C-alpha atoms as a PDB file:
ATOM      1  CA  MET A   1      49.258 129.873 130.339  1.00  0.00           C
ATOM      2  CA  LEU A   2      47.612 126.431 130.034  1.00  0.00           C
ATOM      3  CA  ARG A   3      45.159 127.593 127.391  1.00  0.00           C
ATOM      4  CA  GLU A   4      48.029 129.251 125.515  1.00  0.00           C
ATOM      5  CA  ILE A   5      49.971 125.960 125.447  1.00  0.00           C
ATOM      6  CA  ILE A   6      46.925 123.978 124.322  1.00  0.00           C
ATOM      7  CA  ASN A   7      45.991 126.552 121.663  1.00  0.00           C
ATOM      8  CA  ASN A   8      49.576 126.521 120.375  1.00  0.00           C
ATOM      9  CA  ILE A   9      49.515 122.714 120.035  1.00  0.00           C
ATOM     10  CA  ILE A  10      46.115 122.834 118.314  1.00  0.00           C
ATOM     11  CA  ALA A  11      47.337 125.483 115.867  1.00  0.00           C
ATOM     12  CA  LYS A  12      50.438 123.413 115.016  1.00  0.00           C
ATOM     13  CA  LEU A  13      48.380 120.254 114.519  1.00  0.00           C
ATOM     14  CA  GLU A  14      45.936 122.089 112.241  1.00  0.00           C
ATOM     15  CA  ALA A  15      48.826 123.667 110.293  1.00  0.00           C
ATOM     16  CA  GLY A  16      50.232 120.146 109.910  1.00  0.00           C
ATOM     17  CA  GLY A  17      47.007 118.943 108.294  1.00  0.00           C
ATOM     18  CA  VAL A  18      45.236 117.412 111.298  1.00  0.00           C
ATOM     19  CA  THR A  19      41.556 118.324 111.205  1.00  0.00           C
ATOM     20  CA  ASP A  20      38.931 118.273 113.940  1.00  0.00           C
ATOM     21  CA  VAL A  21      41.173 119.208 116.867  1.00  0.00           C
ATOM     22  CA  TYR A  22      39.542 120.472 120.071  1.00  0.00           C
ATOM     23  CA  SER A  23      40.680 121.834 123.418  1.00  0.00           C
ATOM     24  CA  ALA A  24      39.876 119.897 126.583  1.00  0.00           C
ATOM     25  CA  PHE A  25      38.592 123.240 127.923  1.00  0.00           C
ATOM     26  CA  ASP A  26      35.860 123.670 125.307  1.00  0.00           C
ATOM     27  CA  ALA A  27      32.309 123.003 126.380  1.00  0.00           C
ATOM     28  CA  LYS A  28      31.215 121.266 123.179  1.00  0.00           C
ATOM     29  CA  ASP A  29      29.175 118.130 123.622  1.00  0.00           C
ATOM     30  CA  ILE A  30      30.692 115.076 121.978  1.00  0.00           C
ATOM     31  CA  ALA A  31      27.647 114.796 119.712  1.00  0.00           C
ATOM     32  CA  SER A  32      28.535 118.176 118.162  1.00  0.00           C
ATOM     33  CA  LYS A  33      32.137 117.152 117.427  1.00  0.00           C
ATOM     34  CA  ALA A  34      33.259 115.428 114.237  1.00  0.00           C
ATOM     35  CA  LYS A  35      31.642 112.122 113.358  1.00  0.00           C
ATOM     36  CA  GLY A  36      34.960 110.631 112.183  1.00  0.00           C
ATOM     37  CA  ILE A  37      38.288 110.742 113.980  1.00  0.00           C
ATOM     38  CA  PHE A  38      38.864 113.789 116.172  1.00  0.00           C
ATOM     39  CA  THR A  39      41.554 114.811 118.654  1.00  0.00           C
ATOM     40  CA  VAL A  40      41.175 116.485 122.055  1.00  0.00           C
ATOM     41  CA  VAL A  41      44.249 118.195 123.538  1.00  0.00           C
ATOM     42  CA  GLY A  42      44.514 118.757 127.288  1.00  0.00           C
ATOM     43  CA  ILE A  43      46.981 119.217 130.122  1.00  0.00           C
ATOM     44  CA  GLY A  44      47.407 116.517 132.779  1.00  0.00           C
ATOM     45  CA  GLY A  45      49.965 118.267 134.956  1.00  0.00           C
ATOM     46  CA  PHE A  46      51.900 121.520 134.952  1.00  0.00           C
ATOM     47  CA  GLU A  47      54.931 122.881 136.793  1.00  0.00           C
ATOM     48  CA  SER A  48      56.568 126.259 136.270  1.00  0.00           C
ATOM     49  CA  PHE A  49      59.955 127.358 137.525  1.00  0.00           C
ATOM     50  CA  SER A  50      61.517 130.625 138.651  1.00  0.00           C
ATOM     51  CA  PRO A  51      61.165 133.355 136.033  1.00  0.00           C
ATOM     52  CA  ILE A  52      64.213 134.710 134.249  1.00  0.00           C
ATOM     53  CA  TYR A  53      64.153 138.478 133.787  1.00  0.00           C
ATOM     54  CA  SER A  54      65.756 140.453 131.006  1.00  0.00           C
ATOM     55  CA  PRO A  55      65.357 144.214 130.512  1.00  0.00           C
ATOM     56  CA  TYR A  56      62.305 143.822 128.249  1.00  0.00           C
ATOM     57  CA  THR A  57      61.108 140.226 128.632  1.00  0.00           C
ATOM     58  CA  VAL A  58      60.221 137.692 131.328  1.00  0.00           C
ATOM     59  CA  PHE A  59      60.979 134.044 130.484  1.00  0.00           C
ATOM     60  CA  ILE A  60      59.173 131.308 132.424  1.00  0.00           C
ATOM     61  CA  PRO A  61      60.466 127.733 132.063  1.00  0.00           C
ATOM     62  CA  PHE A  62      57.868 124.981 132.506  1.00  0.00           C
ATOM     63  CA  LYS A  63      57.233 121.239 132.383  1.00  0.00           C
ATOM     64  CA  THR A  64      53.846 119.799 131.532  1.00  0.00           C
ATOM     65  CA  ASP A  65      52.061 116.558 130.738  1.00  0.00           C
ATOM     66  CA  ILE A  66      50.107 116.896 127.509  1.00  0.00           C
ATOM     67  CA  GLU A  67      47.209 114.506 127.027  1.00  0.00           C
ATOM     68  CA  MET A  68      45.871 113.798 123.556  1.00  0.00           C
ATOM     69  CA  ASN A  69      42.759 111.708 123.120  1.00  0.00           C
ATOM     70  CA  ILE A  70      42.253 110.560 119.556  1.00  0.00           C
ATOM     71  CA  THR A  71      38.651 109.416 119.308  1.00  0.00           C
ATOM     72  CA  ALA A  72      37.339 107.299 116.443  1.00  0.00           C
ATOM     73  CA  PRO A  73      34.020 105.699 115.478  1.00  0.00           C
ATOM     74  CA  SER A  74      33.461 102.256 116.996  1.00  0.00           C
ATOM     75  CA  LYS A  75      34.012 100.457 113.672  1.00  0.00           C
ATOM     76  CA  THR A  76      37.539 101.896 113.311  1.00  0.00           C
ATOM     77  CA  SER A  77      40.268  99.279 113.680  1.00  0.00           C
ATOM     78  CA  VAL A  78      43.042  99.595 116.232  1.00  0.00           C
ATOM     79  CA  THR A  79      45.531  99.628 113.350  1.00  0.00           C
ATOM     80  CA  ASP A  80      43.755 102.598 111.735  1.00  0.00           C
ATOM     81  CA  ILE A  81      43.814 104.721 114.882  1.00  0.00           C
ATOM     82  CA  TYR A  82      47.504 103.919 115.554  1.00  0.00           C
ATOM     83  CA  THR A  83      48.295 104.738 111.912  1.00  0.00           C
ATOM     84  CA  PHE A  84      46.455 108.066 112.288  1.00  0.00           C
ATOM     85  CA  TYR A  85      48.635 108.923 115.299  1.00  0.00           C
ATOM     86  CA  ASP A  86      51.866 107.811 113.578  1.00  0.00           C
ATOM     87  CA  GLU A  87      51.203 109.599 110.285  1.00  0.00           C
ATOM     88  CA  LYS A  88      49.342 112.737 111.389  1.00  0.00           C
ATOM     89  CA  ILE A  89      50.026 113.557 115.047  1.00  0.00           C
ATOM     90  CA  GLU A  90      53.552 112.296 115.793  1.00  0.00           C
ATOM     91  CA  PRO A  91      55.344 114.172 112.959  1.00  0.00           C
ATOM     92  CA  VAL A  92      53.819 117.472 114.102  1.00  0.00           C
ATOM     93  CA  ILE A  93      54.640 116.873 117.777  1.00  0.00           C
ATOM     94  CA  SER A  94      58.242 115.884 117.053  1.00  0.00           C
ATOM     95  CA  ASP A  95      58.743 119.044 114.966  1.00  0.00           C
ATOM     96  CA  MET A  96      57.262 121.605 117.366  1.00  0.00           C
ATOM     97  CA  SER A  97      59.668 124.492 117.832  1.00  0.00           C
ATOM     98  CA  GLY A  98      60.004 125.836 121.349  1.00  0.00           C
ATOM     99  CA  LEU A  99      58.587 122.701 122.969  1.00  0.00           C
ATOM    100  CA  THR A 100      60.431 119.467 123.688  1.00  0.00           C
ATOM    101  CA  CYS A 101      58.050 116.486 123.762  1.00  0.00           C
ATOM    102  CA  ASN A 102      58.555 112.820 124.578  1.00  0.00           C
ATOM    103  CA  LEU A 103      55.885 110.134 124.492  1.00  0.00           C
ATOM    104  CA  SER A 104      55.543 108.800 128.031  1.00  0.00           C
ATOM    105  CA  LYS A 105      52.457 106.587 127.760  1.00  0.00           C
ATOM    106  CA  MET A 106      50.016 105.359 125.158  1.00  0.00           C
ATOM    107  CA  SER A 107      46.869 103.324 125.649  1.00  0.00           C
ATOM    108  CA  ILE A 108      43.795 102.404 123.675  1.00  0.00           C
ATOM    109  CA  LYS A 109      40.355 101.400 124.868  1.00  0.00           C
ATOM    110  CA  PHE A 110      36.746 101.327 123.796  1.00  0.00           C
ATOM    111  CA  ASP A 111      34.778 103.939 125.749  1.00  0.00           C
ATOM    112  CA  THR A 112      31.313 102.492 126.319  1.00  0.00           C
ATOM    113  CA  ASN A 113      29.947 105.878 127.474  1.00  0.00           C
ATOM    114  CA  ILE A 114      30.444 107.443 124.050  1.00  0.00           C
ATOM    115  CA  GLN A 115      30.598 104.212 122.002  1.00  0.00           C
ATOM    116  CA  ARG A 116      33.929 105.178 120.445  1.00  0.00           C
ATOM    117  CA  LEU A 117      37.494 103.891 120.344  1.00  0.00           C
ATOM    118  CA  VAL A 118      39.911 106.225 122.190  1.00  0.00           C
ATOM    119  CA  LEU A 119      43.694 106.281 121.857  1.00  0.00           C
ATOM    120  CA  THR A 120      45.277 108.270 124.694  1.00  0.00           C
ATOM    121  CA  ALA A 121      48.804 109.580 124.222  1.00  0.00           C
ATOM    122  CA  LYS A 122      50.519 111.240 127.167  1.00  0.00           C
ATOM    123  CA  LEU A 123      53.520 113.397 126.368  1.00  0.00           C
ATOM    124  CA  SER A 124      56.056 114.881 128.753  1.00  0.00           C
ATOM    125  CA  ALA A 125      56.896 118.343 127.474  1.00  0.00           C
ATOM    126  CA  SER A 126      59.087 121.241 128.503  1.00  0.00           C
ATOM    127  CA  GLY A 127      59.519 124.726 127.169  1.00  0.00           C
ATOM    128  CA  ILE A 128      59.779 128.407 127.958  1.00  0.00           C
ATOM    129  CA  THR A 129      57.103 131.050 127.633  1.00  0.00           C
ATOM    130  CA  LYS A 130      58.011 134.680 127.232  1.00  0.00           C
ATOM    131  CA  THR A 131      56.094 137.830 127.958  1.00  0.00           C
ATOM    132  CA  GLU A 132      57.025 141.447 127.453  1.00  0.00           C
ATOM    133  CA  ARG A 133      57.688 143.419 130.614  1.00  0.00           C
ATOM    134  CA  SER A 134      55.417 146.382 131.116  1.00  0.00           C
ATOM    135  CA  SER A 135      57.019 149.797 131.288  1.00  0.00           C
ATOM    136  CA  VAL A 136      54.804 150.909 134.174  1.00  0.00           C
END
């Protein structure tokens, strides 16, 4: 379910024009990722609730903490990375159907390990997944 949520967010970001979006679960080395600004989507916490059954579908409500790390080259200004989030990421997140998201924390720092500027946005999200019931 976690990969499904992350893949759904990645697909919506890419459909909204955000390029170079990766899953926190991929095994790609940072050197093989984009040289410019790129975004990594992950899950910081997850809680599911009692399923709701209908004759043909099972609905599972959930709450999760989505973590987005927007990583930029070291010469990128803080204003540029915030502008990237405001213009590219935030409009897509606020318009995601089936998922309610609220920004809960945002921070920016220079990561000396990778020599890049990293903006971390943590979003509290809730939604419902649905799966078809098997007829077995």
